[in-house]
N, C-alpha and C. Protein backbone atom coordinates (compact mmCIF):
# COMPACT_ATOMS: atom_id res chain seq x y z
N MET A 1 -46.68 62.83 92.24
CA MET A 1 -47.99 62.91 92.84
C MET A 1 -49.03 63.14 91.76
N ILE A 2 -50.02 62.31 91.69
CA ILE A 2 -51.09 62.49 90.72
C ILE A 2 -52.12 63.44 91.32
N PRO A 3 -52.31 64.62 90.68
CA PRO A 3 -53.23 65.60 91.24
C PRO A 3 -54.68 65.21 90.96
N PRO A 4 -55.59 65.53 91.87
CA PRO A 4 -57.01 65.38 91.55
C PRO A 4 -57.34 66.28 90.37
N GLY A 5 -58.37 65.92 89.62
CA GLY A 5 -58.74 66.68 88.43
C GLY A 5 -58.95 68.16 88.71
N GLY A 6 -59.56 68.48 89.86
CA GLY A 6 -59.81 69.88 90.19
C GLY A 6 -58.53 70.67 90.40
N VAL A 7 -57.53 70.04 91.00
CA VAL A 7 -56.24 70.70 91.23
C VAL A 7 -55.55 70.96 89.90
N LEU A 8 -55.56 69.99 89.03
CA LEU A 8 -54.95 70.16 87.70
C LEU A 8 -55.68 71.24 86.91
N HIS A 9 -57.01 71.19 86.92
CA HIS A 9 -57.78 72.19 86.17
C HIS A 9 -57.48 73.59 86.71
N GLN A 10 -57.44 73.74 88.02
CA GLN A 10 -57.12 75.03 88.63
C GLN A 10 -55.73 75.51 88.21
N PHE A 11 -54.77 74.60 88.19
CA PHE A 11 -53.41 74.94 87.76
C PHE A 11 -53.40 75.43 86.31
N ILE A 12 -54.14 74.76 85.46
CA ILE A 12 -54.23 75.15 84.04
C ILE A 12 -54.83 76.55 83.93
N LEU A 13 -55.93 76.80 84.63
CA LEU A 13 -56.58 78.11 84.58
C LEU A 13 -55.68 79.21 85.14
N GLU A 14 -55.02 78.94 86.25
CA GLU A 14 -54.12 79.94 86.84
C GLU A 14 -52.96 80.26 85.91
N THR A 15 -52.44 79.25 85.23
CA THR A 15 -51.34 79.49 84.30
C THR A 15 -51.78 80.37 83.15
N PHE A 16 -52.95 80.07 82.58
CA PHE A 16 -53.50 80.92 81.52
C PHE A 16 -53.65 82.35 82.02
N ALA A 17 -54.24 82.52 83.22
CA ALA A 17 -54.52 83.85 83.76
C ALA A 17 -53.25 84.64 84.05
N LYS A 18 -52.25 83.98 84.62
CA LYS A 18 -51.03 84.67 85.02
C LYS A 18 -50.07 84.93 83.88
N THR A 19 -50.01 84.01 82.92
CA THR A 19 -49.00 84.13 81.86
C THR A 19 -49.58 84.45 80.49
N GLY A 20 -50.88 84.21 80.31
CA GLY A 20 -51.48 84.39 79.00
C GLY A 20 -51.15 83.26 78.05
N ARG A 21 -50.54 82.20 78.58
CA ARG A 21 -50.14 81.06 77.76
C ARG A 21 -50.73 79.78 78.32
N SER A 22 -50.86 78.82 77.45
CA SER A 22 -51.37 77.52 77.89
C SER A 22 -50.21 76.60 78.27
N LEU A 23 -50.57 75.46 78.77
CA LEU A 23 -49.59 74.47 79.20
C LEU A 23 -49.43 73.36 78.18
N THR A 24 -48.29 72.72 78.26
CA THR A 24 -48.05 71.51 77.48
C THR A 24 -48.09 70.33 78.44
N LEU A 25 -48.15 69.14 77.89
CA LEU A 25 -48.11 67.95 78.72
C LEU A 25 -46.79 67.89 79.50
N GLU A 26 -45.72 68.38 78.90
CA GLU A 26 -44.43 68.38 79.58
C GLU A 26 -44.46 69.30 80.81
N ASN A 27 -45.12 70.47 80.68
CA ASN A 27 -45.25 71.37 81.83
C ASN A 27 -45.98 70.69 82.98
N ILE A 28 -47.05 69.99 82.65
CA ILE A 28 -47.86 69.30 83.67
C ILE A 28 -47.07 68.16 84.29
N GLN A 29 -46.34 67.43 83.47
CA GLN A 29 -45.52 66.33 83.99
C GLN A 29 -44.51 66.85 85.01
N ARG A 30 -43.84 67.95 84.68
CA ARG A 30 -42.84 68.53 85.59
C ARG A 30 -43.49 69.08 86.87
N GLU A 31 -44.57 69.83 86.71
CA GLU A 31 -45.21 70.47 87.87
C GLU A 31 -45.67 69.46 88.91
N PHE A 32 -46.22 68.34 88.46
CA PHE A 32 -46.78 67.36 89.37
C PHE A 32 -45.89 66.13 89.54
N THR A 33 -44.66 66.20 89.03
CA THR A 33 -43.67 65.13 89.14
C THR A 33 -44.29 63.78 88.74
N LEU A 34 -44.88 63.76 87.55
CA LEU A 34 -45.50 62.54 87.03
C LEU A 34 -44.43 61.63 86.45
N SER A 35 -44.73 60.36 86.40
CA SER A 35 -43.74 59.38 85.96
C SER A 35 -43.44 59.44 84.46
N GLY A 36 -44.35 59.96 83.68
CA GLY A 36 -44.12 60.03 82.24
C GLY A 36 -45.15 60.91 81.56
N ILE A 37 -44.89 61.20 80.30
CA ILE A 37 -45.79 62.05 79.52
C ILE A 37 -47.16 61.38 79.35
N GLU A 38 -47.17 60.05 79.34
CA GLU A 38 -48.43 59.32 79.19
C GLU A 38 -49.36 59.59 80.36
N GLU A 39 -48.79 59.73 81.55
CA GLU A 39 -49.60 60.02 82.73
C GLU A 39 -50.23 61.42 82.63
N ALA A 40 -49.46 62.39 82.17
CA ALA A 40 -49.99 63.73 81.96
C ALA A 40 -51.07 63.71 80.88
N ASP A 41 -50.83 62.97 79.81
CA ASP A 41 -51.81 62.85 78.73
C ASP A 41 -53.12 62.26 79.24
N SER A 42 -53.04 61.25 80.07
CA SER A 42 -54.23 60.61 80.63
C SER A 42 -55.04 61.58 81.49
N LEU A 43 -54.36 62.37 82.30
CA LEU A 43 -55.04 63.33 83.17
C LEU A 43 -55.71 64.43 82.35
N VAL A 44 -55.02 64.93 81.33
CA VAL A 44 -55.59 65.97 80.48
C VAL A 44 -56.75 65.41 79.67
N ALA A 45 -56.63 64.17 79.20
CA ALA A 45 -57.72 63.53 78.44
C ALA A 45 -58.98 63.44 79.29
N LYS A 46 -58.82 63.17 80.56
CA LYS A 46 -59.99 63.11 81.46
C LYS A 46 -60.66 64.48 81.55
N LEU A 47 -59.87 65.54 81.68
CA LEU A 47 -60.45 66.89 81.69
C LEU A 47 -61.12 67.22 80.37
N GLU A 48 -60.54 66.73 79.27
CA GLU A 48 -61.16 66.95 77.95
C GLU A 48 -62.53 66.29 77.87
N ARG A 49 -62.62 65.06 78.36
CA ARG A 49 -63.90 64.34 78.33
C ARG A 49 -64.97 65.07 79.15
N GLN A 50 -64.53 65.77 80.20
CA GLN A 50 -65.45 66.54 81.03
C GLN A 50 -65.80 67.90 80.42
N GLY A 51 -65.11 68.25 79.35
CA GLY A 51 -65.33 69.54 78.69
C GLY A 51 -64.61 70.70 79.35
N SER A 52 -63.66 70.41 80.24
CA SER A 52 -62.95 71.47 80.97
C SER A 52 -61.82 72.10 80.16
N VAL A 53 -61.19 71.32 79.30
CA VAL A 53 -60.09 71.81 78.47
C VAL A 53 -60.21 71.20 77.08
N HIS A 54 -59.41 71.73 76.16
CA HIS A 54 -59.42 71.19 74.79
C HIS A 54 -58.00 71.23 74.22
N ARG A 55 -57.69 70.21 73.44
CA ARG A 55 -56.45 70.16 72.64
C ARG A 55 -56.84 69.75 71.24
N ASN A 56 -56.02 70.10 70.28
CA ASN A 56 -56.20 69.56 68.95
C ASN A 56 -55.76 68.10 68.98
N SER A 57 -56.39 67.29 68.19
CA SER A 57 -56.12 65.86 68.18
C SER A 57 -54.63 65.56 68.03
N GLY A 58 -54.10 64.76 68.95
CA GLY A 58 -52.71 64.35 68.90
C GLY A 58 -51.72 65.41 69.38
N ASP A 59 -52.22 66.55 69.84
CA ASP A 59 -51.36 67.65 70.26
C ASP A 59 -51.05 67.56 71.75
N ARG A 60 -49.90 68.10 72.14
CA ARG A 60 -49.49 68.11 73.55
C ARG A 60 -49.76 69.45 74.22
N VAL A 61 -50.36 70.39 73.49
CA VAL A 61 -50.64 71.73 74.00
C VAL A 61 -52.14 71.88 74.25
N ILE A 62 -52.48 72.38 75.43
CA ILE A 62 -53.88 72.68 75.73
C ILE A 62 -54.20 73.99 75.04
N THR A 63 -55.19 74.00 74.17
CA THR A 63 -55.53 75.20 73.41
C THR A 63 -56.60 76.04 74.09
N HIS A 64 -57.49 75.40 74.84
CA HIS A 64 -58.59 76.12 75.49
C HIS A 64 -58.83 75.57 76.89
N ALA A 65 -59.07 76.47 77.80
CA ALA A 65 -59.54 76.13 79.14
C ALA A 65 -60.47 77.28 79.50
N TYR A 66 -61.74 77.10 79.22
CA TYR A 66 -62.73 78.18 79.33
C TYR A 66 -62.53 78.96 80.62
N PRO A 67 -62.44 80.28 80.53
CA PRO A 67 -62.71 81.17 79.40
C PRO A 67 -61.46 81.54 78.60
N PHE A 68 -60.36 80.84 78.80
CA PHE A 68 -59.09 81.17 78.16
C PHE A 68 -58.87 80.35 76.88
N SER A 69 -58.15 80.98 75.94
CA SER A 69 -57.87 80.32 74.66
C SER A 69 -56.53 80.78 74.12
N ASN A 70 -55.82 79.86 73.49
CA ASN A 70 -54.58 80.20 72.77
C ASN A 70 -54.89 80.86 71.44
N GLU A 71 -56.07 80.63 70.94
CA GLU A 71 -56.47 81.13 69.64
C GLU A 71 -57.32 82.38 69.81
N PRO A 72 -57.18 83.35 68.91
CA PRO A 72 -57.95 84.59 69.03
C PRO A 72 -59.47 84.33 69.05
N THR A 73 -60.15 85.00 69.97
CA THR A 73 -61.62 84.96 70.04
C THR A 73 -62.11 86.38 70.31
N ALA A 74 -63.40 86.56 70.24
CA ALA A 74 -64.00 87.87 70.55
C ALA A 74 -64.11 88.09 72.06
N HIS A 75 -63.89 87.06 72.84
CA HIS A 75 -64.06 87.15 74.30
C HIS A 75 -62.83 87.76 74.96
N ARG A 76 -63.06 88.53 76.01
CA ARG A 76 -61.99 89.13 76.79
C ARG A 76 -62.26 88.83 78.26
N VAL A 77 -61.19 88.55 79.00
CA VAL A 77 -61.30 88.27 80.43
C VAL A 77 -60.58 89.37 81.18
N GLN A 78 -61.26 89.97 82.14
CA GLN A 78 -60.68 91.01 82.97
C GLN A 78 -60.66 90.51 84.41
N LEU A 79 -59.47 90.44 85.01
CA LEU A 79 -59.31 90.01 86.39
C LEU A 79 -59.05 91.24 87.25
N ALA A 80 -59.57 91.24 88.47
CA ALA A 80 -59.41 92.39 89.36
C ALA A 80 -57.94 92.68 89.67
N ASP A 81 -57.13 91.62 89.82
CA ASP A 81 -55.74 91.83 90.21
C ASP A 81 -54.74 91.28 89.20
N GLY A 82 -55.12 91.24 87.94
CA GLY A 82 -54.22 90.69 86.94
C GLY A 82 -54.60 91.08 85.55
N PRO A 83 -53.96 90.48 84.56
CA PRO A 83 -54.26 90.82 83.16
C PRO A 83 -55.65 90.40 82.73
């Protein structure tokens, strides 16, 4: 099932919030039962063009999904019912 962009973006944000880790294209492919890694790459690329997420060029790991980041920043996120 190909998720709408909002569903995928929400999944990425929830994963960051719950686990403190980002997703890989393989994680997205498995979660949404996509036909291949290329399909996951295409969906993530669309979110990148919208400015919703970021990856390093050629990488399969999402490094940023505002306000979350895999890389250290001065920003901190406090959730009422989570980390």
